[in-house]
Amino acid sequence: MKIKNKIKIKVNGKKLILEKNRSIEKLIKNLKLPMNKVAIELNKKILDKKKLNKIKLKDKDNIEIVHFIGGG
C-alpha cells in the first residue's frame, strides 16, 4: 500500500517514511548529524556534500551514513 505524497527509504538499514521531494541535506539536518563529520552514500554511490541540497530522495533509495568520531 502506497501512502500518497510519501516515499519509503532505508537509512543505515532502518526503514523510514518521508514526504516526497525531501533533499538529502534536509534529511541529515533532521537526523541532527554534523555535516562536516559524515560521509554519505546513496544507492552505493558516495555523494559530494556540496550537492546534497539538490539531490532529492526517491522511493526505495538506500542511504548509508558514516559518522566520524575523533578520539585517542
N, C-alpha and C. Protein backbone atom coordinates (compact mmCIF):
# COMPACT_ATOMS: atom_id res chain seq x y z
N MET A 1 0.83 -1.18 0.00
CA MET A 1 0.00 0.00 0.00
C MET A 1 0.87 1.24 0.00
N LYS A 2 0.68 2.11 -0.97
CA LYS A 2 1.45 3.34 -1.05
C LYS A 2 0.70 4.46 -0.35
N ILE A 3 1.44 5.24 0.39
CA ILE A 3 0.86 6.40 1.05
C ILE A 3 1.10 7.60 0.13
N LYS A 4 0.05 8.32 -0.18
CA LYS A 4 0.14 9.44 -1.12
C LYS A 4 1.11 10.50 -0.58
N ASN A 5 1.96 11.01 -1.46
CA ASN A 5 2.94 12.06 -1.15
C ASN A 5 4.01 11.60 -0.16
N LYS A 6 4.20 10.31 -0.04
CA LYS A 6 5.23 9.77 0.86
C LYS A 6 6.11 8.80 0.09
N ILE A 7 7.33 8.63 0.56
CA ILE A 7 8.25 7.65 -0.01
C ILE A 7 8.81 6.80 1.12
N LYS A 8 9.24 5.61 0.77
CA LYS A 8 9.89 4.71 1.73
C LYS A 8 11.36 4.61 1.34
N ILE A 9 12.24 4.85 2.32
CA ILE A 9 13.68 4.73 2.10
C ILE A 9 14.28 3.93 3.24
N LYS A 10 15.55 3.58 3.09
CA LYS A 10 16.30 2.95 4.17
C LYS A 10 17.50 3.82 4.48
N VAL A 11 17.73 4.06 5.76
CA VAL A 11 18.90 4.80 6.22
C VAL A 11 19.64 3.90 7.19
N ASN A 12 20.83 3.49 6.80
CA ASN A 12 21.64 2.55 7.61
C ASN A 12 20.82 1.32 8.01
N GLY A 13 20.03 0.81 7.06
CA GLY A 13 19.25 -0.40 7.29
C GLY A 13 17.91 -0.19 7.96
N LYS A 14 17.62 1.03 8.42
CA LYS A 14 16.36 1.32 9.11
C LYS A 14 15.38 1.94 8.11
N LYS A 15 14.16 1.40 8.08
CA LYS A 15 13.15 1.90 7.15
C LYS A 15 12.55 3.20 7.67
N LEU A 16 12.41 4.17 6.77
CA LEU A 16 11.79 5.45 7.10
C LEU A 16 10.75 5.78 6.04
N ILE A 17 9.71 6.49 6.46
CA ILE A 17 8.72 7.02 5.53
C ILE A 17 8.80 8.54 5.62
N LEU A 18 9.03 9.17 4.48
CA LEU A 18 9.22 10.62 4.42
C LEU A 18 8.31 11.23 3.36
N GLU A 19 8.16 12.54 3.42
CA GLU A 19 7.42 13.22 2.37
C GLU A 19 8.26 13.26 1.10
N LYS A 20 7.59 13.33 -0.04
CA LYS A 20 8.28 13.41 -1.33
C LYS A 20 9.06 14.71 -1.42
N ASN A 21 10.04 14.71 -2.30
CA ASN A 21 10.86 15.90 -2.61
C ASN A 21 11.72 16.40 -1.46
N ARG A 22 12.05 15.54 -0.52
CA ARG A 22 12.96 15.93 0.55
C ARG A 22 14.39 15.77 0.06
N SER A 23 15.22 16.76 0.33
CA SER A 23 16.62 16.68 -0.06
C SER A 23 17.40 15.86 0.96
N ILE A 24 18.52 15.35 0.53
CA ILE A 24 19.38 14.60 1.45
C ILE A 24 19.92 15.53 2.53
N GLU A 25 20.21 16.78 2.15
CA GLU A 25 20.69 17.75 3.14
C GLU A 25 19.68 17.92 4.27
N LYS A 26 18.40 18.04 3.93
CA LYS A 26 17.36 18.20 4.94
C LYS A 26 17.25 16.94 5.82
N LEU A 27 17.40 15.78 5.22
CA LEU A 27 17.37 14.53 5.98
C LEU A 27 18.50 14.51 7.01
N ILE A 28 19.70 14.88 6.60
CA ILE A 28 20.86 14.88 7.50
C ILE A 28 20.63 15.86 8.66
N LYS A 29 20.09 17.03 8.34
CA LYS A 29 19.80 18.02 9.38
C LYS A 29 18.74 17.51 10.35
N ASN A 30 17.70 16.85 9.82
CA ASN A 30 16.64 16.30 10.68
C ASN A 30 17.16 15.18 11.58
N LEU A 31 18.16 14.46 11.09
CA LEU A 31 18.78 13.40 11.91
C LEU A 31 19.78 13.98 12.91
N LYS A 32 20.00 15.30 12.84
CA LYS A 32 20.89 16.03 13.74
C LYS A 32 22.32 15.50 13.70
N LEU A 33 22.78 15.24 12.48
CA LEU A 33 24.16 14.79 12.29
C LEU A 33 25.01 15.97 11.83
N PRO A 34 26.23 16.09 12.32
CA PRO A 34 27.10 17.19 11.88
C PRO A 34 27.58 16.94 10.45
N MET A 35 27.22 17.83 9.55
CA MET A 35 27.52 17.67 8.13
C MET A 35 29.02 17.48 7.86
N ASN A 36 29.85 18.13 8.64
CA ASN A 36 31.30 18.05 8.41
C ASN A 36 31.93 16.76 8.93
N LYS A 37 31.15 15.92 9.61
CA LYS A 37 31.70 14.69 10.17
C LYS A 37 31.00 13.43 9.66
N VAL A 38 30.39 13.52 8.49
CA VAL A 38 29.72 12.35 7.93
C VAL A 38 30.13 12.13 6.48
N ALA A 39 30.06 10.89 6.06
CA ALA A 39 30.18 10.52 4.64
C ALA A 39 28.85 9.88 4.28
N ILE A 40 28.35 10.19 3.11
CA ILE A 40 27.00 9.76 2.72
C ILE A 40 27.06 9.00 1.40
N GLU A 41 26.41 7.85 1.41
CA GLU A 41 26.33 7.00 0.22
C GLU A 41 24.86 6.83 -0.14
N LEU A 42 24.53 7.09 -1.40
CA LEU A 42 23.16 6.92 -1.89
C LEU A 42 23.19 5.85 -2.98
N ASN A 43 22.50 4.76 -2.71
CA ASN A 43 22.43 3.65 -3.67
C ASN A 43 23.82 3.24 -4.16
N LYS A 44 24.73 3.09 -3.21
CA LYS A 44 26.11 2.62 -3.41
C LYS A 44 27.01 3.61 -4.13
N LYS A 45 26.63 4.90 -4.14
CA LYS A 45 27.48 5.94 -4.72
C LYS A 45 27.74 7.00 -3.66
N ILE A 46 29.02 7.33 -3.46
CA ILE A 46 29.38 8.36 -2.49
C ILE A 46 28.97 9.72 -3.04
N LEU A 47 28.38 10.55 -2.18
CA LEU A 47 27.86 11.84 -2.62
C LEU A 47 28.81 12.98 -2.28
N ASP A 48 28.79 14.00 -3.13
CA ASP A 48 29.50 15.24 -2.90
C ASP A 48 28.64 16.10 -1.97
N LYS A 49 29.18 16.47 -0.82
CA LYS A 49 28.40 17.22 0.17
C LYS A 49 27.93 18.57 -0.36
N LYS A 50 28.62 19.13 -1.32
CA LYS A 50 28.22 20.43 -1.87
C LYS A 50 26.93 20.34 -2.68
N LYS A 51 26.53 19.13 -3.05
CA LYS A 51 25.34 18.95 -3.90
C LYS A 51 24.15 18.35 -3.15
N LEU A 52 24.26 18.16 -1.84
CA LEU A 52 23.22 17.47 -1.08
C LEU A 52 21.87 18.17 -1.11
N ASN A 53 21.88 19.51 -1.19
CA ASN A 53 20.60 20.22 -1.21
C ASN A 53 19.88 20.06 -2.54
N LYS A 54 20.58 19.63 -3.59
CA LYS A 54 19.97 19.46 -4.91
C LYS A 54 19.52 18.03 -5.17
N ILE A 55 19.99 17.09 -4.35
CA ILE A 55 19.65 15.68 -4.56
C ILE A 55 18.39 15.35 -3.78
N LYS A 56 17.33 15.01 -4.49
CA LYS A 56 16.04 14.67 -3.87
C LYS A 56 15.93 13.16 -3.68
N LEU A 57 15.41 12.77 -2.55
CA LEU A 57 15.21 11.35 -2.26
C LEU A 57 14.05 10.81 -3.08
N LYS A 58 14.19 9.53 -3.48
CA LYS A 58 13.15 8.85 -4.24
C LYS A 58 12.75 7.57 -3.50
N ASP A 59 11.59 7.07 -3.85
CA ASP A 59 11.10 5.83 -3.24
C ASP A 59 12.12 4.71 -3.41
N LYS A 60 12.35 3.97 -2.36
CA LYS A 60 13.25 2.82 -2.30
C LYS A 60 14.73 3.17 -2.35
N ASP A 61 15.08 4.45 -2.13
CA ASP A 61 16.50 4.81 -2.02
C ASP A 61 17.09 4.15 -0.79
N ASN A 62 18.37 3.81 -0.89
CA ASN A 62 19.10 3.21 0.21
C ASN A 62 20.27 4.12 0.56
N ILE A 63 20.28 4.64 1.77
CA ILE A 63 21.30 5.59 2.20
C ILE A 63 22.11 4.98 3.33
N GLU A 64 23.42 5.13 3.22
CA GLU A 64 24.33 4.73 4.30
C GLU A 64 25.06 5.99 4.74
N ILE A 65 25.06 6.22 6.04
CA ILE A 65 25.74 7.39 6.59
C ILE A 65 26.76 6.92 7.60
N VAL A 66 28.00 7.36 7.39
CA VAL A 66 29.08 7.02 8.32
C VAL A 66 29.44 8.28 9.05
N HIS A 67 29.43 8.21 10.38
CA HIS A 67 29.73 9.36 11.24
C HIS A 67 31.14 9.18 11.81
N PHE A 68 32.02 10.14 11.54
CA PHE A 68 33.39 10.07 12.03
C PHE A 68 33.48 10.63 13.44
N ILE A 69 34.17 9.90 14.30
CA ILE A 69 34.34 10.31 15.68
C ILE A 69 35.82 10.34 16.00
N GLY A 70 36.30 11.46 16.52
CA GLY A 70 37.71 11.57 16.89
C GLY A 70 37.94 11.01 18.29
N GLY A 71 39.16 10.73 18.55
CA GLY A 71 39.50 10.22 19.88
C GLY A 71 40.94 9.80 19.93
N GLY A 72 41.36 9.38 21.09
CA GLY A 72 42.75 8.98 21.18
C GLY A 72 43.01 7.99 22.25
